[in-house]
Amino acid sequence: MCIRDRLETIARFPAVIDEAAADLEPHQIATYTREFADRFNAFYRECPVLADDVDPAVRETRLALVAASKHTMANALSILGVAAPRSM
């Protein structure tokens, strides 16, 4: 999964919240959160973040993407009333 796909998934989050609220369908947030986790897992598996052979600029971009993903996931879980684990 490339960086662009990851960014697009993160960028969709506000629209998912708006749509779930407008449609009175909170399960849309749960579905997005599960799909988000699946996609992040694929990204992390396919794109080494801290590997020694990764260009420093690419590493910084991937680290920023991981931080944005963490923030998005924490927000989604918070909306669902679920506490995010501090570590995995």
C-alpha atoms as a PDB file:
ATOM      1  CA  MET A   1       0.000   0.000   0.000  1.00  0.00           C
ATOM      2  CA  CYS A   2       1.593   3.241  -1.057  1.00  0.00           C
ATOM      3  CA  ILE A   3       1.776   6.460   0.918  1.00  0.00           C
ATOM      4  CA  ARG A   4      -0.855   8.142  -1.223  1.00  0.00           C
ATOM      5  CA  ASP A   5      -3.415   5.417  -0.440  1.00  0.00           C
ATOM      6  CA  ARG A   6      -2.657   5.792   3.272  1.00  0.00           C
ATOM      7  CA  LEU A   7      -3.120   9.566   3.096  1.00  0.00           C
ATOM      8  CA  GLU A   8      -6.405   9.196   1.229  1.00  0.00           C
ATOM      9  CA  THR A   9      -7.672   6.796   3.887  1.00  0.00           C
ATOM     10  CA  ILE A  10      -6.762   9.256   6.642  1.00  0.00           C
ATOM     11  CA  ALA A  11      -8.304  12.167   4.731  1.00  0.00           C
ATOM     12  CA  ARG A  12     -11.617  10.272   4.443  1.00  0.00           C
ATOM     13  CA  PHE A  13     -12.103  10.230   8.222  1.00  0.00           C
ATOM     14  CA  PRO A  14     -13.979  13.564   8.596  1.00  0.00           C
ATOM     15  CA  ALA A  15     -16.359  12.628   5.784  1.00  0.00           C
ATOM     16  CA  VAL A  16     -17.045   9.258   7.419  1.00  0.00           C
ATOM     17  CA  ILE A  17     -17.921  11.025  10.676  1.00  0.00           C
ATOM     18  CA  ASP A  18     -20.194  13.493   8.876  1.00  0.00           C
ATOM     19  CA  GLU A  19     -21.937  10.752   6.906  1.00  0.00           C
ATOM     20  CA  ALA A  20     -22.408   8.535   9.961  1.00  0.00           C
ATOM     21  CA  ALA A  21     -23.937  11.446  11.870  1.00  0.00           C
ATOM     22  CA  ALA A  22     -26.168  12.547   8.980  1.00  0.00           C
ATOM     23  CA  ASP A  23     -27.412   9.004   8.370  1.00  0.00           C
ATOM     24  CA  LEU A  24     -27.654   8.143  12.087  1.00  0.00           C
ATOM     25  CA  GLU A  25     -25.499   5.088  11.387  1.00  0.00           C
ATOM     26  CA  PRO A  26     -22.637   4.956  13.904  1.00  0.00           C
ATOM     27  CA  HIS A  27     -21.608   1.537  12.619  1.00  0.00           C
ATOM     28  CA  GLN A  28     -20.024   3.362   9.653  1.00  0.00           C
ATOM     29  CA  ILE A  29     -17.359   4.627  12.052  1.00  0.00           C
ATOM     30  CA  ALA A  30     -16.702   1.120  13.354  1.00  0.00           C
ATOM     31  CA  THR A  31     -16.440  -0.199   9.800  1.00  0.00           C
ATOM     32  CA  TYR A  32     -14.040   2.602   8.808  1.00  0.00           C
ATOM     33  CA  THR A  33     -11.929   1.930  11.916  1.00  0.00           C
ATOM     34  CA  ARG A  34     -11.621  -1.777  11.139  1.00  0.00           C
ATOM     35  CA  GLU A  35     -10.744  -1.086   7.507  1.00  0.00           C
ATOM     36  CA  PHE A  36      -8.299   1.603   8.616  1.00  0.00           C
ATOM     37  CA  ALA A  37      -6.529  -0.884  10.887  1.00  0.00           C
ATOM     38  CA  ASP A  38      -6.393  -3.477   8.101  1.00  0.00           C
ATOM     39  CA  ARG A  39      -4.904  -0.965   5.665  1.00  0.00           C
ATOM     40  CA  PHE A  40      -2.400   0.318   8.201  1.00  0.00           C
ATOM     41  CA  ASN A  41      -1.297  -3.241   8.882  1.00  0.00           C
ATOM     42  CA  ALA A  42      -0.710  -3.782   5.149  1.00  0.00           C
ATOM     43  CA  PHE A  43       1.208  -0.501   4.875  1.00  0.00           C
ATOM     44  CA  TYR A  44       3.407  -1.314   7.862  1.00  0.00           C
ATOM     45  CA  ARG A  45       4.116  -4.813   6.546  1.00  0.00           C
ATOM     46  CA  GLU A  46       4.954  -3.615   3.014  1.00  0.00           C
ATOM     47  CA  CYS A  47       6.769  -0.347   3.783  1.00  0.00           C
ATOM     48  CA  PRO A  48       9.585  -0.641   6.319  1.00  0.00           C
ATOM     49  CA  VAL A  49       9.612   2.459   8.483  1.00  0.00           C
ATOM     50  CA  LEU A  50      12.767   2.119  10.574  1.00  0.00           C
ATOM     51  CA  ALA A  51      14.847  -0.233   8.408  1.00  0.00           C
ATOM     52  CA  ASP A  52      18.484   0.766   7.956  1.00  0.00           C
ATOM     53  CA  ASP A  53      18.247   0.628   4.163  1.00  0.00           C
ATOM     54  CA  VAL A  54      15.419   3.205   3.956  1.00  0.00           C
ATOM     55  CA  ASP A  55      16.338   6.663   2.664  1.00  0.00           C
ATOM     56  CA  PRO A  56      16.178   9.204   5.539  1.00  0.00           C
ATOM     57  CA  ALA A  57      13.621  11.376   3.707  1.00  0.00           C
ATOM     58  CA  VAL A  58      11.412   8.354   3.080  1.00  0.00           C
ATOM     59  CA  ARG A  59      11.816   7.301   6.706  1.00  0.00           C
ATOM     60  CA  GLU A  60      10.674  10.737   7.916  1.00  0.00           C
ATOM     61  CA  THR A  61       7.672  10.642   5.591  1.00  0.00           C
ATOM     62  CA  ARG A  62       6.702   7.181   6.785  1.00  0.00           C
ATOM     63  CA  LEU A  63       7.155   8.177  10.433  1.00  0.00           C
ATOM     64  CA  ALA A  64       4.868  11.168   9.893  1.00  0.00           C
ATOM     65  CA  LEU A  65       2.337   8.867   8.271  1.00  0.00           C
ATOM     66  CA  VAL A  66       2.504   6.475  11.222  1.00  0.00           C
ATOM     67  CA  ALA A  67       1.945   9.403  13.617  1.00  0.00           C
ATOM     68  CA  ALA A  68      -1.034  10.626  11.578  1.00  0.00           C
ATOM     69  CA  SER A  69      -2.429   7.090  11.508  1.00  0.00           C
ATOM     70  CA  LYS A  70      -2.048   6.780  15.271  1.00  0.00           C
ATOM     71  CA  HIS A  71      -3.882  10.090  15.760  1.00  0.00           C
ATOM     72  CA  THR A  72      -6.683   9.101  13.377  1.00  0.00           C
ATOM     73  CA  MET A  73      -7.127   5.705  15.003  1.00  0.00           C
ATOM     74  CA  ALA A  74      -7.189   7.243  18.489  1.00  0.00           C
ATOM     75  CA  ASN A  75      -9.856   9.723  17.365  1.00  0.00           C
ATOM     76  CA  ALA A  76     -11.958   7.004  15.762  1.00  0.00           C
ATOM     77  CA  LEU A  77     -11.748   4.793  18.835  1.00  0.00           C
ATOM     78  CA  SER A  78     -12.576   7.745  21.085  1.00  0.00           C
ATOM     79  CA  ILE A  79     -15.710   8.497  19.069  1.00  0.00           C
ATOM     80  CA  LEU A  80     -16.695   4.854  19.484  1.00  0.00           C
ATOM     81  CA  GLY A  81     -16.045   5.051  23.230  1.00  0.00           C
ATOM     82  CA  VAL A  82     -13.126   2.634  23.113  1.00  0.00           C
ATOM     83  CA  ALA A  83      -9.852   3.360  24.903  1.00  0.00           C
ATOM     84  CA  ALA A  84      -6.825   3.023  22.631  1.00  0.00           C
ATOM     85  CA  PRO A  85      -4.033   0.800  23.956  1.00  0.00           C
ATOM     86  CA  ARG A  86      -0.806   2.633  24.834  1.00  0.00           C
ATOM     87  CA  SER A  87       1.250   0.057  22.949  1.00  0.00           C
ATOM     88  CA  MET A  88       0.877  -3.145  20.987  1.00  0.00           C
END
